[in-house]
């Protein structure tokens, strides 16, 4: 009987400690969510943000987990480092740069489309193609991205906004 008391006591203490460490009051949660929402608004209004991409959704085939890819909007430039799977029509020999480029932003539009989200449309032109980057960004920082190019099939991505303030950029 004494053999199972010690493991049971350890399990109970571990579970209760996890509950204490991870619990957040309603007020704290609401304050955190309000801070995140304000950071999203600030980053979008300043046109300075980065989306870390974690999943890609090609038109043909299944979605895939990806890492170490991002899209950065800063100082009037779009810095795109994205994987691409899809059909291409008119591209340079060898495939070109696809969605790995840095280009000046032609147009930048932000619209609040719902209570908890924004649509951001960015038009850029590179030496290879013209692209429309259409972001949907929620107050919690989750984002989806749809990329439409003139010479390639549309592709979508999902990820998270990197929460940093403009002075950290």
C-alpha atoms as a PDB file:
ATOM      1  CA  UNK A   1       0.000   0.000   0.000  1.00  0.00           C
ATOM      2  CA  UNK A   2       2.854   2.418   0.721  1.00  0.00           C
ATOM      3  CA  UNK A   3       4.331   1.761  -2.751  1.00  0.00           C
ATOM      4  CA  UNK A   4       1.646   3.712  -4.618  1.00  0.00           C
ATOM      5  CA  UNK A   5       1.214   6.618  -2.156  1.00  0.00           C
ATOM      6  CA  UNK A   6       4.465   8.359  -3.088  1.00  0.00           C
ATOM      7  CA  UNK A   7       3.850   8.262  -6.900  1.00  0.00           C
ATOM      8  CA  UNK A   8       0.257   9.383  -6.348  1.00  0.00           C
ATOM      9  CA  UNK A   9       1.375  12.281  -4.159  1.00  0.00           C
ATOM     10  CA  UNK A  10       3.993  13.300  -6.757  1.00  0.00           C
ATOM     11  CA  UNK A  11       1.383  13.205  -9.540  1.00  0.00           C
ATOM     12  CA  UNK A  12      -1.080  15.320  -7.528  1.00  0.00           C
ATOM     13  CA  UNK A  13       1.590  17.917  -6.716  1.00  0.00           C
ATOM     14  CA  UNK A  14       2.738  18.059 -10.344  1.00  0.00           C
ATOM     15  CA  UNK A  15      -0.783  18.576 -11.670  1.00  0.00           C
ATOM     16  CA  UNK A  16      -1.604  21.222  -9.080  1.00  0.00           C
ATOM     17  CA  UNK A  17       1.684  23.048  -9.723  1.00  0.00           C
ATOM     18  CA  UNK A  18       0.965  23.135 -13.472  1.00  0.00           C
ATOM     19  CA  UNK A  19      -2.460  24.593 -12.809  1.00  0.00           C
ATOM     20  CA  UNK A  20      -1.021  27.305 -10.579  1.00  0.00           C
ATOM     21  CA  UNK A  21       1.756  28.247 -13.006  1.00  0.00           C
ATOM     22  CA  UNK A  22      -0.413  28.434 -16.104  1.00  0.00           C
ATOM     23  CA  UNK A  23      -3.536  29.992 -14.655  1.00  0.00           C
ATOM     24  CA  UNK A  24      -4.329  33.512 -15.710  1.00  0.00           C
ATOM     25  CA  UNK A  25      -7.132  35.568 -14.272  1.00  0.00           C
ATOM     26  CA  UNK A  26      -9.791  36.922 -16.580  1.00  0.00           C
ATOM     27  CA  UNK A  27      -8.501  40.434 -16.062  1.00  0.00           C
ATOM     28  CA  UNK A  28      -4.923  39.407 -16.914  1.00  0.00           C
ATOM     29  CA  UNK A  29      -6.095  37.547 -20.005  1.00  0.00           C
ATOM     30  CA  UNK A  30      -8.197  40.517 -21.140  1.00  0.00           C
ATOM     31  CA  UNK A  31      -5.255  42.892 -20.563  1.00  0.00           C
ATOM     32  CA  UNK A  32      -2.881  40.610 -22.526  1.00  0.00           C
ATOM     33  CA  UNK A  33      -5.364  40.318 -25.409  1.00  0.00           C
ATOM     34  CA  UNK A  34      -5.837  44.103 -25.448  1.00  0.00           C
ATOM     35  CA  UNK A  35      -2.041  44.639 -25.566  1.00  0.00           C
ATOM     36  CA  UNK A  36      -1.714  42.138 -28.433  1.00  0.00           C
ATOM     37  CA  UNK A  37      -4.575  43.771 -30.354  1.00  0.00           C
ATOM     38  CA  UNK A  38      -2.979  47.212 -29.896  1.00  0.00           C
ATOM     39  CA  UNK A  39       0.396  45.884 -31.100  1.00  0.00           C
ATOM     40  CA  UNK A  40      -1.292  44.470 -34.220  1.00  0.00           C
ATOM     41  CA  UNK A  41      -2.956  47.824 -34.936  1.00  0.00           C
ATOM     42  CA  UNK A  42       0.270  49.767 -34.338  1.00  0.00           C
ATOM     43  CA  UNK A  43       2.320  47.473 -36.568  1.00  0.00           C
ATOM     44  CA  UNK A  44      -0.258  47.613 -39.384  1.00  0.00           C
ATOM     45  CA  UNK A  45      -0.670  51.393 -39.209  1.00  0.00           C
ATOM     46  CA  UNK A  46       3.118  51.886 -39.282  1.00  0.00           C
ATOM     47  CA  UNK A  47       3.457  49.345 -42.113  1.00  0.00           C
ATOM     48  CA  UNK A  48       6.199  47.660 -40.093  1.00  0.00           C
ATOM     49  CA  UNK A  49       5.555  44.006 -39.297  1.00  0.00           C
ATOM     50  CA  UNK A  50       6.767  40.476 -39.854  1.00  0.00           C
ATOM     51  CA  UNK A  51       4.737  37.314 -40.303  1.00  0.00           C
ATOM     52  CA  UNK A  52       6.530  34.075 -39.434  1.00  0.00           C
ATOM     53  CA  UNK A  53       5.114  31.391 -41.733  1.00  0.00           C
ATOM     54  CA  UNK A  54       4.380  27.933 -40.297  1.00  0.00           C
ATOM     55  CA  UNK A  55       2.213  26.296 -42.967  1.00  0.00           C
ATOM     56  CA  UNK A  56       1.836  26.459 -46.758  1.00  0.00           C
ATOM     57  CA  UNK A  57      -1.276  25.554 -48.776  1.00  0.00           C
ATOM     58  CA  UNK A  58      -0.512  24.991 -52.463  1.00  0.00           C
ATOM     59  CA  UNK A  59      -3.430  24.842 -54.922  1.00  0.00           C
ATOM     60  CA  UNK A  60      -2.453  21.319 -55.931  1.00  0.00           C
ATOM     61  CA  UNK A  61      -1.445  18.872 -53.237  1.00  0.00           C
ATOM     62  CA  UNK A  62      -1.658  18.854 -49.489  1.00  0.00           C
ATOM     63  CA  UNK A  63      -0.708  21.499 -46.995  1.00  0.00           C
ATOM     64  CA  UNK A  64       2.757  21.281 -45.531  1.00  0.00           C
ATOM     65  CA  UNK A  65       4.398  22.423 -42.311  1.00  0.00           C
ATOM     66  CA  UNK A  66       7.293  24.796 -42.990  1.00  0.00           C
ATOM     67  CA  UNK A  67       9.761  26.624 -40.782  1.00  0.00           C
ATOM     68  CA  UNK A  68      12.245  29.470 -41.106  1.00  0.00           C
ATOM     69  CA  UNK A  69      10.134  31.408 -43.637  1.00  0.00           C
ATOM     70  CA  UNK A  70       8.734  34.900 -43.223  1.00  0.00           C
ATOM     71  CA  UNK A  71       7.379  38.018 -44.882  1.00  0.00           C
ATOM     72  CA  UNK A  72       8.556  41.383 -43.574  1.00  0.00           C
ATOM     73  CA  UNK A  73       7.059  44.793 -44.332  1.00  0.00           C
ATOM     74  CA  UNK A  74       9.368  47.607 -43.299  1.00  0.00           C
ATOM     75  CA  UNK A  75      10.346  51.054 -44.548  1.00  0.00           C
ATOM     76  CA  UNK A  76       8.212  50.810 -47.672  1.00  0.00           C
ATOM     77  CA  UNK A  77       9.723  47.479 -48.696  1.00  0.00           C
ATOM     78  CA  UNK A  78       8.361  43.925 -48.796  1.00  0.00           C
ATOM     79  CA  UNK A  79      10.945  41.265 -47.962  1.00  0.00           C
ATOM     80  CA  UNK A  80       9.514  37.891 -48.981  1.00  0.00           C
ATOM     81  CA  UNK A  81      11.181  34.575 -48.078  1.00  0.00           C
ATOM     82  CA  UNK A  82       8.571  31.959 -48.935  1.00  0.00           C
ATOM     83  CA  UNK A  83       8.652  28.433 -50.345  1.00  0.00           C
ATOM     84  CA  UNK A  84       6.689  27.893 -53.537  1.00  0.00           C
ATOM     85  CA  UNK A  85       4.985  24.802 -54.939  1.00  0.00           C
ATOM     86  CA  UNK A  86       2.827  25.251 -58.000  1.00  0.00           C
ATOM     87  CA  UNK A  87       2.664  25.777 -61.694  1.00  0.00           C
ATOM     88  CA  UNK A  88       4.613  28.592 -63.305  1.00  0.00           C
ATOM     89  CA  UNK A  89       4.001  29.975 -66.797  1.00  0.00           C
ATOM     90  CA  UNK A  90       6.511  32.633 -67.807  1.00  0.00           C
ATOM     91  CA  UNK A  91       9.534  32.469 -65.542  1.00  0.00           C
ATOM     92  CA  UNK A  92      13.275  32.810 -66.152  1.00  0.00           C
ATOM     93  CA  UNK A  93      15.301  29.751 -67.038  1.00  0.00           C
ATOM     94  CA  UNK A  94      15.951  27.754 -63.866  1.00  0.00           C
ATOM     95  CA  UNK A  95      12.786  28.967 -62.145  1.00  0.00           C
ATOM     96  CA  UNK A  96      13.829  32.442 -61.107  1.00  0.00           C
ATOM     97  CA  UNK A  97      13.475  33.755 -57.589  1.00  0.00           C
ATOM     98  CA  UNK A  98       9.814  32.736 -57.131  1.00  0.00           C
ATOM     99  CA  UNK A  99       8.697  34.316 -53.830  1.00  0.00           C
ATOM    100  CA  UNK A 100      12.176  35.104 -52.491  1.00  0.00           C
ATOM    101  CA  UNK A 101      12.796  38.792 -53.117  1.00  0.00           C
ATOM    102  CA  UNK A 102      12.882  42.259 -51.658  1.00  0.00           C
ATOM    103  CA  UNK A 103      10.882  44.898 -53.515  1.00  0.00           C
ATOM    104  CA  UNK A 104       9.469  48.366 -53.060  1.00  0.00           C
ATOM    105  CA  UNK A 105       5.782  48.379 -52.106  1.00  0.00           C
ATOM    106  CA  UNK A 106       3.567  49.827 -54.841  1.00  0.00           C
ATOM    107  CA  UNK A 107       0.352  50.066 -52.825  1.00  0.00           C
ATOM    108  CA  UNK A 108      -0.428  49.273 -49.189  1.00  0.00           C
ATOM    109  CA  UNK A 109      -4.036  49.159 -47.951  1.00  0.00           C
ATOM    110  CA  UNK A 110      -5.345  48.176 -44.503  1.00  0.00           C
ATOM    111  CA  UNK A 111      -9.050  47.658 -43.818  1.00  0.00           C
ATOM    112  CA  UNK A 112     -10.657  46.432 -40.620  1.00  0.00           C
ATOM    113  CA  UNK A 113     -12.982  43.744 -41.957  1.00  0.00           C
ATOM    114  CA  UNK A 114     -14.315  42.438 -38.680  1.00  0.00           C
ATOM    115  CA  UNK A 115     -14.199  43.192 -34.987  1.00  0.00           C
ATOM    116  CA  UNK A 116     -11.101  41.046 -34.480  1.00  0.00           C
ATOM    117  CA  UNK A 117      -9.333  41.205 -37.836  1.00  0.00           C
ATOM    118  CA  UNK A 118      -7.799  43.234 -40.619  1.00  0.00           C
ATOM    119  CA  UNK A 119      -7.203  42.776 -44.332  1.00  0.00           C
ATOM    120  CA  UNK A 120      -3.904  44.060 -45.682  1.00  0.00           C
ATOM    121  CA  UNK A 121      -3.316  44.164 -49.450  1.00  0.00           C
ATOM    122  CA  UNK A 122       0.131  44.884 -50.782  1.00  0.00           C
ATOM    123  CA  UNK A 123       1.053  45.217 -54.441  1.00  0.00           C
ATOM    124  CA  UNK A 124       4.683  44.759 -55.470  1.00  0.00           C
ATOM    125  CA  UNK A 125       6.421  44.486 -58.804  1.00  0.00           C
ATOM    126  CA  UNK A 126       9.723  42.659 -59.215  1.00  0.00           C
ATOM    127  CA  UNK A 127      11.908  42.228 -62.273  1.00  0.00           C
ATOM    128  CA  UNK A 128      10.261  38.788 -62.766  1.00  0.00           C
ATOM    129  CA  UNK A 129       6.605  39.274 -61.855  1.00  0.00           C
ATOM    130  CA  UNK A 130       3.832  41.306 -60.232  1.00  0.00           C
ATOM    131  CA  UNK A 131       2.434  40.078 -56.899  1.00  0.00           C
ATOM    132  CA  UNK A 132      -0.508  40.820 -54.659  1.00  0.00           C
ATOM    133  CA  UNK A 133       0.050  39.807 -51.031  1.00  0.00           C
ATOM    134  CA  UNK A 134      -3.338  39.643 -49.289  1.00  0.00           C
ATOM    135  CA  UNK A 135      -3.032  39.190 -45.519  1.00  0.00           C
ATOM    136  CA  UNK A 136      -5.792  38.493 -43.028  1.00  0.00           C
ATOM    137  CA  UNK A 137      -4.445  39.347 -39.581  1.00  0.00           C
ATOM    138  CA  UNK A 138      -6.356  38.796 -36.362  1.00  0.00           C
ATOM    139  CA  UNK A 139      -5.989  40.670 -33.064  1.00  0.00           C
ATOM    140  CA  UNK A 140      -4.194  37.695 -31.504  1.00  0.00           C
ATOM    141  CA  UNK A 141      -1.495  37.862 -34.185  1.00  0.00           C
ATOM    142  CA  UNK A 142      -2.554  34.812 -36.215  1.00  0.00           C
ATOM    143  CA  UNK A 143      -2.390  35.512 -39.920  1.00  0.00           C
ATOM    144  CA  UNK A 144      -3.161  33.996 -43.279  1.00  0.00           C
ATOM    145  CA  UNK A 145      -1.572  35.095 -46.525  1.00  0.00           C
ATOM    146  CA  UNK A 146      -2.748  34.608 -50.084  1.00  0.00           C
ATOM    147  CA  UNK A 147      -0.179  35.358 -52.810  1.00  0.00           C
ATOM    148  CA  UNK A 148      -1.365  35.997 -56.365  1.00  0.00           C
ATOM    149  CA  UNK A 149       1.255  36.379 -59.068  1.00  0.00           C
ATOM    150  CA  UNK A 150       0.976  37.101 -62.764  1.00  0.00           C
ATOM    151  CA  UNK A 151       3.196  34.195 -63.820  1.00  0.00           C
ATOM    152  CA  UNK A 152       2.563  31.613 -61.096  1.00  0.00           C
ATOM    153  CA  UNK A 153      -0.345  29.772 -59.518  1.00  0.00           C
ATOM    154  CA  UNK A 154      -1.877  31.268 -56.390  1.00  0.00           C
ATOM    155  CA  UNK A 155      -0.593  29.880 -53.067  1.00  0.00           C
ATOM    156  CA  UNK A 156      -1.600  30.463 -49.449  1.00  0.00           C
ATOM    157  CA  UNK A 157       0.222  30.435 -46.126  1.00  0.00           C
ATOM    158  CA  UNK A 158      -0.539  30.763 -42.436  1.00  0.00           C
ATOM    159  CA  UNK A 159       1.577  32.052 -39.597  1.00  0.00           C
ATOM    160  CA  UNK A 160       1.906  34.432 -36.696  1.00  0.00           C
ATOM    161  CA  UNK A 161       2.747  38.103 -36.453  1.00  0.00           C
ATOM    162  CA  UNK A 162       6.005  38.706 -34.653  1.00  0.00           C
ATOM    163  CA  UNK A 163       5.053  41.058 -31.791  1.00  0.00           C
ATOM    164  CA  UNK A 164       7.683  43.731 -31.594  1.00  0.00           C
ATOM    165  CA  UNK A 165       7.444  47.423 -31.264  1.00  0.00           C
ATOM    166  CA  UNK A 166       8.589  49.783 -33.970  1.00  0.00           C
ATOM    167  CA  UNK A 167      11.677  50.845 -31.997  1.00  0.00           C
ATOM    168  CA  UNK A 168      12.881  47.196 -31.948  1.00  0.00           C
ATOM    169  CA  UNK A 169      12.754  46.923 -35.721  1.00  0.00           C
END
